[in-house]
C-alpha atoms as a PDB file:
ATOM      1  CA  MET A   1      77.057 102.425  99.378  1.00  0.00           C
ATOM      2  CA  LYS A   2      75.433  99.677 100.493  1.00  0.00           C
ATOM      3  CA  LEU A   3      76.914  96.235 100.929  1.00  0.00           C
ATOM      4  CA  LYS A   4      75.113  93.091  99.559  1.00  0.00           C
ATOM      5  CA  GLU A   5      73.979  90.881 102.515  1.00  0.00           C
ATOM      6  CA  VAL A   6      75.622  87.521 102.156  1.00  0.00           C
ATOM      7  CA  GLU A   7      73.445  84.520 101.508  1.00  0.00           C
ATOM      8  CA  ARG A   8      73.967  82.126 104.696  1.00  0.00           C
ATOM      9  CA  MET A   9      74.266  78.259 103.758  1.00  0.00           C
ATOM     10  CA  LYS A  10      74.907  74.935 105.475  1.00  0.00           C
ATOM     11  CA  TRP A  11      77.483  73.040 103.727  1.00  0.00           C
ATOM     12  CA  GLN A  12      74.975  70.182 102.969  1.00  0.00           C
ATOM     13  CA  GLU A  13      72.773  73.131 101.616  1.00  0.00           C
ATOM     14  CA  VAL A  14      76.014  73.912  99.265  1.00  0.00           C
ATOM     15  CA  ARG A  15      76.639  70.585  98.517  1.00  0.00           C
ATOM     16  CA  GLU A  16      72.575  69.891  97.198  1.00  0.00           C
ATOM     17  CA  MET A  17      72.942  73.151  94.900  1.00  0.00           C
ATOM     18  CA  PHE A  18      76.255  72.388  93.630  1.00  0.00           C
ATOM     19  CA  PRO A  19      76.457  68.547  93.621  1.00  0.00           C
ATOM     20  CA  ASP A  20      80.424  66.870  92.496  1.00  0.00           C
ATOM     21  CA  GLN A  21      81.589  70.866  91.613  1.00  0.00           C
ATOM     22  CA  LEU A  22      84.441  72.817  92.988  1.00  0.00           C
ATOM     23  CA  VAL A  23      82.957  76.127  94.932  1.00  0.00           C
ATOM     24  CA  LEU A  24      84.854  78.991  96.418  1.00  0.00           C
ATOM     25  CA  VAL A  25      83.319  79.820  99.720  1.00  0.00           C
ATOM     26  CA  SER A  26      83.663  82.516 102.510  1.00  0.00           C
ATOM     27  CA  ILE A  27      83.948  80.577 105.749  1.00  0.00           C
ATOM     28  CA  LEU A  28      80.780  81.984 108.169  1.00  0.00           C
ATOM     29  CA  ASN A  29      81.074  79.284 110.884  1.00  0.00           C
ATOM     30  CA  TYR A  30      82.961  76.300 112.391  1.00  0.00           C
ATOM     31  CA  TYR A  31      83.967  74.441 115.283  1.00  0.00           C
ATOM     32  CA  GLU A  32      86.792  72.764 116.174  1.00  0.00           C
ATOM     33  CA  GLU A  33      87.479  69.432 117.378  1.00  0.00           C
ATOM     34  CA  GLY A  34      91.159  68.295 118.314  1.00  0.00           C
ATOM     35  CA  ASN A  35      93.145  68.853 115.168  1.00  0.00           C
ATOM     36  CA  LYS A  36      90.327  69.523 112.827  1.00  0.00           C
ATOM     37  CA  LYS A  37      88.188  72.687 111.751  1.00  0.00           C
ATOM     38  CA  ILE A  38      84.738  71.710 110.931  1.00  0.00           C
ATOM     39  CA  VAL A  39      82.713  73.818 108.539  1.00  0.00           C
ATOM     40  CA  ASP A  40      79.306  74.365 108.900  1.00  0.00           C
ATOM     41  CA  GLU A  41      78.223  77.509 107.530  1.00  0.00           C
ATOM     42  CA  VAL A  42      79.228  79.409 104.457  1.00  0.00           C
ATOM     43  CA  ALA A  43      78.549  81.929 102.118  1.00  0.00           C
ATOM     44  CA  LEU A  44      79.028  80.728  98.305  1.00  0.00           C
ATOM     45  CA  ILE A  45      81.241  83.145  96.218  1.00  0.00           C
ATOM     46  CA  ARG A  46      81.085  81.348  92.522  1.00  0.00           C
ATOM     47  CA  THR A  47      81.754  77.625  91.215  1.00  0.00           C
ATOM     48  CA  ILE A  48      85.107  76.757  90.064  1.00  0.00           C
ATOM     49  CA  SER A  49      86.224  75.055  86.621  1.00  0.00           C
ATOM     50  CA  GLU A  50      88.723  72.185  87.656  1.00  0.00           C
ATOM     51  CA  GLU A  51      90.931  74.414  84.962  1.00  0.00           C
ATOM     52  CA  ASP A  52      91.073  77.245  87.410  1.00  0.00           C
ATOM     53  CA  ALA A  53      91.228  75.275  90.850  1.00  0.00           C
ATOM     54  CA  ASN A  54      95.176  75.712  91.683  1.00  0.00           C
ATOM     55  CA  LYS A  55      95.033  79.486  90.831  1.00  0.00           C
ATOM     56  CA  GLU A  56      91.689  80.130  92.769  1.00  0.00           C
ATOM     57  CA  PHE A  57      93.066  78.374  96.034  1.00  0.00           C
ATOM     58  CA  PHE A  58      96.490  79.924  96.315  1.00  0.00           C
ATOM     59  CA  GLN A  59      94.846  83.507  95.487  1.00  0.00           C
ATOM     60  CA  ALA A  60      91.827  83.207  97.712  1.00  0.00           C
ATOM     61  CA  LYS A  61      91.681  86.023 100.613  1.00  0.00           C
ATOM     62  CA  PRO A  62      91.483  85.187 104.263  1.00  0.00           C
ATOM     63  CA  GLY A  63      88.374  83.208 105.492  1.00  0.00           C
ATOM     64  CA  ASN A  64      87.692  81.980 101.455  1.00  0.00           C
ATOM     65  CA  LEU A  65      88.431  78.747 100.461  1.00  0.00           C
ATOM     66  CA  VAL A  66      88.197  76.442  97.538  1.00  0.00           C
ATOM     67  CA  TYR A  67      86.288  73.299  98.377  1.00  0.00           C
ATOM     68  CA  HIS A  68      84.597  70.301  96.412  1.00  0.00           C
ATOM     69  CA  THR A  69      81.129  69.813  96.852  1.00  0.00           C
ATOM     70  CA  SER A  70      82.022  65.623  96.813  1.00  0.00           C
ATOM     71  CA  ASN A  71      83.421  66.455 100.406  1.00  0.00           C
ATOM     72  CA  ARG A  72      80.505  65.127 102.824  1.00  0.00           C
ATOM     73  CA  ASP A  73      81.923  67.155 105.577  1.00  0.00           C
ATOM     74  CA  PHE A  74      84.090  70.384 105.212  1.00  0.00           C
ATOM     75  CA  VAL A  75      86.939  69.643 106.972  1.00  0.00           C
ATOM     76  CA  ILE A  76      89.953  71.687 107.710  1.00  0.00           C
ATOM     77  CA  HIS A  77      92.651  69.830 108.976  1.00  0.00           C
ATOM     78  CA  LEU A  78      94.730  72.231 111.457  1.00  0.00           C
ATOM     79  CA  ARG A  79      98.618  71.837 111.587  1.00  0.00           C
ATOM     80  CA  ARG A  80      99.747  72.710 115.204  1.00  0.00           C
ATOM     81  CA  ASP A  81     103.151  73.793 115.689  1.00  0.00           C
ATOM     82  CA  PRO A  82     105.057  70.791 118.281  1.00  0.00           C
ATOM     83  CA  LEU A  83     107.513  73.719 119.607  1.00  0.00           C
ATOM     84  CA  MET A  84     104.569  75.437 120.973  1.00  0.00           C
ATOM     85  CA  THR A  85     103.208  74.706 124.036  1.00  0.00           C
END
């Protein structure tokens, strides 16, 4: 069985195609700036209703995330353990 190839999209493309919506995406590419992970390339899995947002957020597999397209940039704030050096 052959796996379906994912369609790589820039975050801006997702925002344009699905304005003002929650989406479940697979993170394909990002870079770090200080304590932020800036996601710039994703694969759209599906749109998410407001009612299902919390459930989908907590059930998302590693590498997947629910995010709202009203956000101009896709930024994940990283929490660093202050006791780790």
